[in-house]
Structure formats: C-alpha cells, structure tokens
Amino acid sequence: MTFRLWGVTFVQHLFVESPMTDEAVLDIPKVRSVSYSQYTLWATCPEQWKIRYVDGVKSESGIELVFGTAMHDTIQHWLTLLYGPNPEKAKIFDVKGYLKERLMLHVKKELFLEDRKLTTKEEVAEYYADGCNIIDHVLQHKKDFFPKNYELVGIEVPLELEASPGVRFRGFIDVVLYHKAAKTYYIYDFKTSRYGWFSQKKDHKKLDQLLLYKKYYSEVLGVSPDNINVKFIILKRKVNENSDYAVKHMVGFEPSHGSTSMKRANERFSKFLELFDENGVPKLDTIRPTPSESACKYCIAKNDPKMCAFSFYKSNKKSLV
C-alpha cells in the first residue's frame, strides 16, 4: 500500500516477514546502505560488525527473536484494524489466534531446522502463554497508548536517505501515529523483554535508535524535530505478581530526545560513518576489536579462535554454556 503525505510518497508494509534484511543492503551497487542494527553492532565491537557484514557469518535465530517478530506482526496488524475505517473489526479480531499463527510460522521457518531443533514445544508454549498475557494488557489499556484521536500514518514506515557521501541510512519504523490538532507525529518502537528494561534505559546503543529515526524522519517529512515525539513500548513477558505496584505487561519509555540528546546521538552515529570512504567502502584497516564480557557474550565467534582471536572468553579461559 502506498500513500502520500505532504508530497512525499511512502510504502506501507503490512505483515511482511522481513521488510528488509541486513544482507540485502550489502548487495546494492555503488551506494552502501547501513541500518541502526549495523551501527549498534559496530558500537558493541567493530570486529563483530566485520564478521557479520564483511565476512558474512550469520548468527542463528532464537526463540526470543522469533517471539519478538511474532508480537510485532500481531500488534501491528491489530493497530491497522483499530485505526482503520471500521474500528469495530479490532474488537472481534482474534488477536491471540493471530499471535499463535505468526509464532508457529516463524518457529517452523527459523527454529525447526532439518538437522536440529533450536527450541522445544514446551518453550514455544511458554512464550505463547506469555504473549497472551501481554495481549490481555494491551487490549485492557489500549486507550493509554493508542488514543482514538490519533491517526495511523503507517506500519513499518521506511526511511532511506543519504547519511554521508557514498552511504545511505535505511530503516523501518514500527508505528507512526499523528495527532492532527497538535500537528505532532509519534514514533513507536516495540521491544519485547523478559522482565522489562533496566540498564537499557541508560544504554545509548539502545536509545540512539529512536533519536536517529526522529532525525531522519523529520528530514523526510520536512518538519521540525520538535513536532516528532518518540517512545519505546516495552512488552514484558514476566511480571512480579506479588508486587505492590500495578502489574503491567506493557510500559512506555520515552528517552530524552531534545536537541542536545539528538546532537549527541548524531555525533556517535557519525563516528560509525567514518568507517566508510566516499564510495561507501569500509576502511577495514581501521577496525579494532573491543572485547569484554558483555560485548562478547552474544558474539557468534566468542569460542572460535579462527574467527576471532580476541574473544573475552578465550583470553579468560571462559565459555558460556
């Protein structure tokens, strides 16, 4: 579905399993395309970025990623009904049934491999039950996050524009809403988590995502960044039922996104862009590994000295089970 907004043409992506793969962007001739996921991996460890995006070594998926994709699919589909021409369809839509369908689709495709299984039926059932709890909370508190007086601009709204000579930034925004009276756009990004965000709220590698989206979306629309608000919506699988606080499977977190925060995020991203020359070719001789327990924890090369001789777990004679 395409739509125009103030003379700009957008493509609205609905229910696609993978609107853009990181592998695909590297095949575009002459112009290098980068994404937020590339930037955050480079910020974690430049050597990991090289292993993934230059050497082409892929990491395996897991139930957490598959569950997150299924939840995105489900809530985004429900939102198109909620803000569609007939909102009553959202009330009768089988949200949990749709979640089950999407979850099983992604599990069979990415985790039930021919030679081995990367999850179990029991684990999938647990994640589905957690997802149903999240959905119950979303439906109960929808007015707090998705007011009726907002308009749905798009789902998986694409961003693509020049970031530096020879390099283009590409990304997809989960949800964009618009408040006509206030002339304000709202960028939402969904994050699934086991218990919620704690240290992540202070991790600029996490927060820079929405700051960069705000920067580039304001440029695409030709509006002031002041007219764009951003928010992470954290979908928690587990909550403390014995807590004195209200049990919440969905919470919003709005990072600081004023001019100072935007400037700092852009400066950090610009450091990543310095990795490429004017033709978009990475300067591999400038790449240095930055091993640490946290940086190496999820690296595919952490226990493979042939792939990376600098792993924290190698030098400390440790290995994750």
Protein backbone atom coordinates (compact mmCIF):
# COMPACT_ATOMS: atom_id res chain seq x y z
CA MET A 1 0.00 0.00 0.00
CA THR A 2 1.39 3.40 -0.90
CA PHE A 3 0.33 6.75 0.46
CA ARG A 4 1.39 10.36 0.13
CA LEU A 5 1.97 12.80 2.93
CA TRP A 6 2.85 16.40 2.15
CA GLY A 7 4.13 15.41 -1.26
CA VAL A 8 6.26 12.52 -0.01
CA THR A 9 5.45 9.01 -1.18
CA PHE A 10 5.67 6.19 1.35
CA VAL A 11 5.16 2.46 1.11
CA GLN A 12 3.20 0.94 3.96
CA HIS A 13 4.49 -2.55 4.76
CA LEU A 14 1.97 -4.78 6.48
CA PHE A 15 2.52 -8.28 7.80
CA VAL A 16 5.70 -8.89 5.83
CA GLU A 17 8.03 -11.35 7.50
CA SER A 18 11.19 -9.41 6.68
CA PRO A 19 10.71 -5.99 5.04
CA MET A 20 14.45 -5.55 4.75
CA THR A 21 17.26 -7.92 5.55
CA ASP A 22 20.67 -6.67 6.54
CA GLU A 23 22.17 -9.00 3.98
CA ALA A 24 20.27 -7.36 1.15
CA VAL A 25 21.62 -3.88 1.79
CA LEU A 26 25.18 -5.01 1.12
CA ASP A 27 24.30 -6.08 -2.42
CA ILE A 28 23.32 -2.60 -3.59
CA PRO A 29 25.99 -1.41 -6.04
CA LYS A 30 27.95 1.82 -5.59
CA VAL A 31 25.99 3.04 -2.55
CA ARG A 32 26.49 1.41 0.83
CA SER A 33 23.33 1.15 2.94
CA VAL A 34 23.58 0.99 6.70
CA SER A 35 20.98 0.42 9.37
CA TYR A 36 20.61 1.02 13.06
CA SER A 37 21.34 -2.66 13.74
CA GLN A 38 24.65 -2.31 11.91
CA TYR A 39 25.54 0.77 13.93
CA THR A 40 24.73 -0.81 17.29
CA LEU A 41 26.76 -3.92 16.45
CA TRP A 42 29.72 -1.75 15.45
CA ALA A 43 29.34 0.25 18.67
CA THR A 44 29.42 -3.02 20.62
CA CYS A 45 32.54 -4.28 18.82
CA PRO A 46 33.81 -3.24 15.37
CA GLU A 47 35.25 -6.72 14.86
CA GLN A 48 31.78 -8.23 15.32
CA TRP A 49 30.49 -5.87 12.65
CA LYS A 50 33.23 -7.06 10.28
CA ILE A 51 32.50 -10.73 10.99
CA ARG A 52 28.80 -10.19 10.31
CA TYR A 53 28.73 -7.68 7.46
CA VAL A 54 32.05 -8.18 5.68
CA ASP A 55 32.84 -11.84 6.28
CA GLY A 56 29.14 -12.71 6.01
CA VAL A 57 28.97 -15.00 9.06
CA LYS A 58 25.36 -15.23 10.19
CA SER A 59 24.22 -15.86 13.73
CA GLU A 60 21.41 -18.28 14.45
CA SER A 61 17.99 -17.07 15.47
CA GLY A 62 16.45 -17.92 18.83
CA ILE A 63 13.07 -18.12 20.48
CA GLU A 64 13.42 -14.58 21.89
CA LEU A 65 13.88 -13.07 18.43
CA VAL A 66 11.16 -15.21 16.89
CA PHE A 67 8.74 -14.28 19.67
CA GLY A 68 9.55 -10.60 19.21
CA THR A 69 8.84 -10.83 15.49
CA ALA A 70 5.51 -12.58 16.09
CA MET A 71 4.47 -9.96 18.66
CA HIS A 72 5.36 -7.17 16.24
CA ASP A 73 3.30 -8.82 13.50
CA THR A 74 0.32 -9.26 15.79
CA ILE A 75 0.13 -5.84 17.39
CA GLN A 76 0.82 -4.05 14.13
CA HIS A 77 -1.96 -6.00 12.41
CA TRP A 78 -4.35 -5.19 15.25
CA LEU A 79 -3.45 -1.49 15.03
CA THR A 80 -4.35 -1.37 11.33
CA LEU A 81 -7.82 -2.57 12.31
CA LEU A 82 -8.09 -0.26 15.32
CA TYR A 83 -7.27 2.80 13.20
CA GLY A 84 -8.93 1.52 10.05
CA PRO A 85 -12.22 2.65 8.53
CA ASN A 86 -14.13 0.16 10.68
CA PRO A 87 -12.58 0.06 14.19
CA GLU A 88 -15.18 -2.48 15.28
CA LYS A 89 -13.13 -5.10 13.45
CA ALA A 90 -10.43 -4.69 16.08
CA LYS A 91 -12.89 -5.77 18.78
CA ILE A 92 -13.78 -9.05 17.11
CA PHE A 93 -10.30 -9.81 15.79
CA ASP A 94 -8.82 -12.97 17.31
CA VAL A 95 -5.57 -11.39 18.47
CA LYS A 96 -4.33 -14.43 20.37
CA GLY A 97 -5.15 -16.72 17.49
CA TYR A 98 -3.19 -14.49 15.15
CA LEU A 99 -0.23 -14.47 17.55
CA LYS A 100 -0.25 -18.26 17.63
CA GLU A 101 -0.34 -18.41 13.84
CA ARG A 102 2.56 -15.98 13.43
CA LEU A 103 4.60 -17.54 16.21
CA MET A 104 4.34 -21.03 14.74
CA LEU A 105 5.11 -19.71 11.27
CA HIS A 106 8.39 -18.14 12.41
CA VAL A 107 9.29 -21.04 14.70
CA LYS A 108 8.92 -23.59 11.90
CA LYS A 109 10.85 -21.41 9.49
CA GLU A 110 13.74 -20.35 11.73
CA LEU A 111 14.00 -22.77 14.66
CA PHE A 112 12.78 -26.17 13.45
CA LEU A 113 15.69 -26.97 11.18
CA GLU A 114 16.27 -30.21 9.32
CA ASP A 115 19.28 -31.30 11.34
CA ARG A 116 18.31 -29.92 14.75
CA LYS A 117 15.77 -28.03 16.77
CA LEU A 118 16.66 -24.66 18.31
CA THR A 119 13.73 -24.73 20.71
CA THR A 120 11.20 -27.14 22.23
CA LYS A 121 7.42 -27.38 22.09
CA GLU A 122 7.32 -26.66 25.81
CA GLU A 123 9.35 -23.49 25.37
CA VAL A 124 7.17 -22.31 22.49
CA ALA A 125 4.06 -22.96 24.59
CA GLU A 126 5.50 -20.89 27.43
CA TYR A 127 6.29 -17.98 25.14
CA TYR A 128 2.82 -18.15 23.61
CA ALA A 129 1.22 -18.04 27.08
CA ASP A 130 3.38 -15.02 27.93
CA GLY A 131 2.29 -13.38 24.68
CA CYS A 132 -1.36 -13.90 25.57
CA ASN A 133 -0.76 -12.13 28.89
CA ILE A 134 0.80 -9.23 27.02
CA ILE A 135 -2.17 -9.08 24.65
CA ASP A 136 -4.62 -9.00 27.57
CA HIS A 137 -2.81 -5.98 28.96
CA VAL A 138 -2.59 -4.26 25.57
CA LEU A 139 -6.32 -4.63 24.99
CA GLN A 140 -7.18 -3.50 28.50
CA HIS A 141 -5.01 -0.38 28.33
CA LYS A 142 -5.17 0.47 24.64
CA LYS A 143 -6.52 3.98 25.30
CA ASP A 144 -3.40 4.86 27.26
CA PHE A 145 -1.13 4.12 24.31
CA PHE A 146 -3.34 4.30 21.22
CA PRO A 147 -5.93 7.10 21.67
CA LYS A 148 -8.87 7.41 19.31
CA ASN A 149 -7.99 10.97 18.29
CA TYR A 150 -4.73 9.82 16.70
CA GLU A 151 -4.33 8.79 13.09
CA LEU A 152 -2.24 5.86 11.88
CA VAL A 153 0.35 7.16 9.41
CA GLY A 154 1.88 3.77 8.76
CA ILE A 155 3.26 0.44 9.87
CA GLU A 156 6.90 -0.42 9.13
CA VAL A 157 7.33 3.05 7.66
CA PRO A 158 10.50 3.06 5.55
CA LEU A 159 13.34 5.52 5.96
CA GLU A 160 16.00 5.85 3.28
CA LEU A 161 18.19 8.87 2.69
CA GLU A 162 21.82 9.88 2.43
CA ALA A 163 23.75 9.75 5.71
CA SER A 164 27.17 10.66 4.25
CA PRO A 165 28.85 10.54 0.82
CA GLY A 166 28.50 7.01 -0.51
CA VAL A 167 26.39 5.82 2.43
CA ARG A 168 22.62 5.72 2.83
CA PHE A 169 20.70 5.10 6.04
CA ARG A 170 17.87 2.59 5.77
CA GLY A 171 15.37 1.57 8.41
CA PHE A 172 11.75 0.82 9.15
CA ILE A 173 9.73 2.49 11.91
CA ASP A 174 7.40 0.09 13.73
CA VAL A 175 4.48 2.52 14.07
CA VAL A 176 3.89 6.18 13.30
CA LEU A 177 0.82 7.96 14.66
CA TYR A 178 -0.26 11.54 14.04
CA HIS A 179 -2.21 13.96 16.22
CA LYS A 180 -3.82 16.38 13.82
CA ALA A 181 -4.77 19.08 16.33
CA ALA A 182 -1.29 19.19 17.84
CA LYS A 183 0.40 18.66 14.44
CA THR A 184 2.63 16.12 16.14
CA TYR A 185 3.94 12.74 15.00
CA TYR A 186 4.54 9.86 17.38
CA ILE A 187 7.17 7.25 16.57
CA TYR A 188 6.73 3.99 18.48
CA ASP A 189 9.18 1.12 18.62
CA PHE A 190 8.17 -2.17 20.25
CA LYS A 191 10.68 -4.10 22.35
CA THR A 192 9.92 -7.49 23.85
CA SER A 193 11.70 -8.33 27.08
CA ARG A 194 11.59 -10.93 29.81
CA TYR A 195 11.18 -8.58 32.79
CA GLY A 196 11.47 -5.12 31.26
CA TRP A 197 14.13 -2.53 30.60
CA PHE A 198 16.56 -1.59 33.36
CA SER A 199 20.15 -0.96 32.26
CA GLN A 200 18.83 -0.48 28.71
CA LYS A 201 17.36 2.88 29.70
CA LYS A 202 20.89 4.22 30.09
CA ASP A 203 22.43 2.46 27.10
CA HIS A 204 22.86 4.91 24.25
CA LYS A 205 23.23 1.99 21.81
CA LYS A 206 19.57 1.22 22.56
CA LEU A 207 18.28 4.77 22.81
CA ASP A 208 20.01 6.11 19.71
CA GLN A 209 17.65 4.10 17.54
CA LEU A 210 14.67 6.38 18.08
CA LEU A 211 16.84 9.51 18.10
CA LEU A 212 18.16 8.60 14.65
CA TYR A 213 14.67 7.72 13.45
CA LYS A 214 13.44 11.09 14.67
CA LYS A 215 16.30 12.91 12.93
CA TYR A 216 15.82 11.20 9.58
CA TYR A 217 12.02 11.17 9.67
CA SER A 218 11.96 14.92 10.28
CA GLU A 219 14.21 15.35 7.24
CA VAL A 220 12.00 13.12 5.10
CA LEU A 221 8.83 14.99 6.11
CA GLY A 222 10.43 18.41 6.11
CA VAL A 223 9.09 19.19 9.59
CA SER A 224 10.81 20.34 12.75
CA PRO A 225 12.05 17.60 15.10
CA ASP A 226 10.02 19.44 17.75
CA ASN A 227 6.92 18.10 16.03
CA ILE A 228 8.01 14.48 16.47
CA ASN A 229 7.85 12.53 19.73
CA VAL A 230 9.38 9.11 20.25
CA LYS A 231 8.61 6.26 22.62
CA PHE A 232 9.71 2.70 23.24
CA ILE A 233 6.88 0.36 24.14
CA ILE A 234 8.26 -2.43 26.30
CA LEU A 235 6.31 -5.69 26.17
CA LYS A 236 7.24 -7.72 29.25
CA ARG A 237 6.76 -11.47 29.26
CA LYS A 238 7.06 -11.81 33.03
CA VAL A 239 5.83 -9.59 35.85
CA ASN A 240 6.01 -9.81 39.62
CA GLU A 241 2.52 -10.86 40.63
CA ASN A 242 3.35 -10.22 44.32
CA SER A 243 4.44 -6.65 43.75
CA ASP A 244 2.56 -3.81 45.44
CA TYR A 245 2.67 -1.97 42.12
CA ALA A 246 0.19 -2.50 39.33
CA VAL A 247 1.04 -5.49 37.19
CA LYS A 248 1.99 -4.21 33.76
CA HIS A 249 2.96 -6.30 30.76
CA MET A 250 3.24 -3.14 28.64
CA VAL A 251 5.02 0.04 29.67
CA GLY A 252 6.14 3.06 27.74
CA PHE A 253 9.57 4.62 27.97
CA GLU A 254 10.30 7.98 26.37
CA PRO A 255 14.03 8.65 26.11
CA SER A 256 15.35 12.16 26.26
CA HIS A 257 15.08 13.41 22.68
CA GLY A 258 15.66 17.13 22.85
CA SER A 259 18.20 18.97 20.73
CA THR A 260 21.15 18.08 23.00
CA SER A 261 20.34 14.36 23.02
CA MET A 262 19.78 14.41 19.27
CA LYS A 263 23.14 16.11 18.73
CA ARG A 264 24.99 13.55 20.83
CA ALA A 265 23.30 10.63 19.09
CA ASN A 266 24.21 12.08 15.70
CA GLU A 267 27.83 12.54 16.81
CA ARG A 268 28.02 8.88 17.89
CA PHE A 269 26.49 7.73 14.62
CA SER A 270 28.88 9.95 12.67
CA LYS A 271 31.78 8.02 14.22
CA PHE A 272 30.34 4.89 12.64
CA LEU A 273 30.01 6.64 9.28
CA GLU A 274 33.72 7.46 9.39
CA LEU A 275 34.30 3.74 8.85
CA PHE A 276 33.42 4.23 5.16
CA ASP A 277 35.17 6.17 2.44
CA GLU A 278 33.37 8.43 -0.06
CA ASN A 279 32.46 5.36 -2.13
CA GLY A 280 30.92 3.54 0.80
CA VAL A 281 33.81 1.09 1.08
CA PRO A 282 34.66 0.16 4.70
CA LYS A 283 38.16 1.03 5.87
CA LEU A 284 38.96 -2.40 7.25
CA ASP A 285 42.41 -1.36 8.45
CA THR A 286 40.77 0.94 10.99
CA ILE A 287 38.73 -1.82 12.62
CA ARG A 288 39.85 -2.83 16.10
CA PRO A 289 38.15 -5.42 18.34
CA THR A 290 36.83 -4.22 21.70
CA PRO A 291 36.38 -7.46 23.65
CA SER A 292 34.63 -7.54 27.00
CA GLU A 293 32.37 -9.93 28.85
CA SER A 294 29.24 -8.09 27.72
CA ALA A 295 30.42 -7.35 24.18
CA CYS A 296 31.43 -10.95 23.51
CA LYS A 297 28.50 -12.60 25.27
CA TYR A 298 26.32 -12.97 22.19
CA CYS A 299 29.04 -12.95 19.55
CA ILE A 300 28.99 -15.94 17.23
CA ALA A 301 32.80 -16.01 17.34
CA LYS A 302 33.21 -15.96 21.11
CA ASN A 303 34.50 -19.56 21.25
CA ASP A 304 36.06 -19.73 17.81
CA PRO A 305 39.69 -18.51 17.77
CA LYS A 306 39.87 -18.96 14.00
CA MET A 307 37.07 -16.45 13.58
CA CYS A 308 38.18 -14.08 16.34
CA ALA A 309 41.37 -14.40 18.36
CA PHE A 310 40.40 -11.59 20.72
CA SER A 311 37.35 -13.06 22.45
CA PHE A 312 37.00 -12.27 26.13
CA TYR A 313 36.04 -15.89 26.76
CA LYS A 314 39.18 -17.15 25.08
CA SER A 315 41.60 -14.88 26.90
CA ASN A 316 39.90 -15.55 30.23
CA LYS A 317 39.50 -19.25 29.55
CA LYS A 318 35.78 -18.95 29.97
CA SER A 319 32.95 -20.31 27.88
CA LEU A 320 29.26 -19.73 28.02
CA VAL A 321 27.04 -22.76 28.27
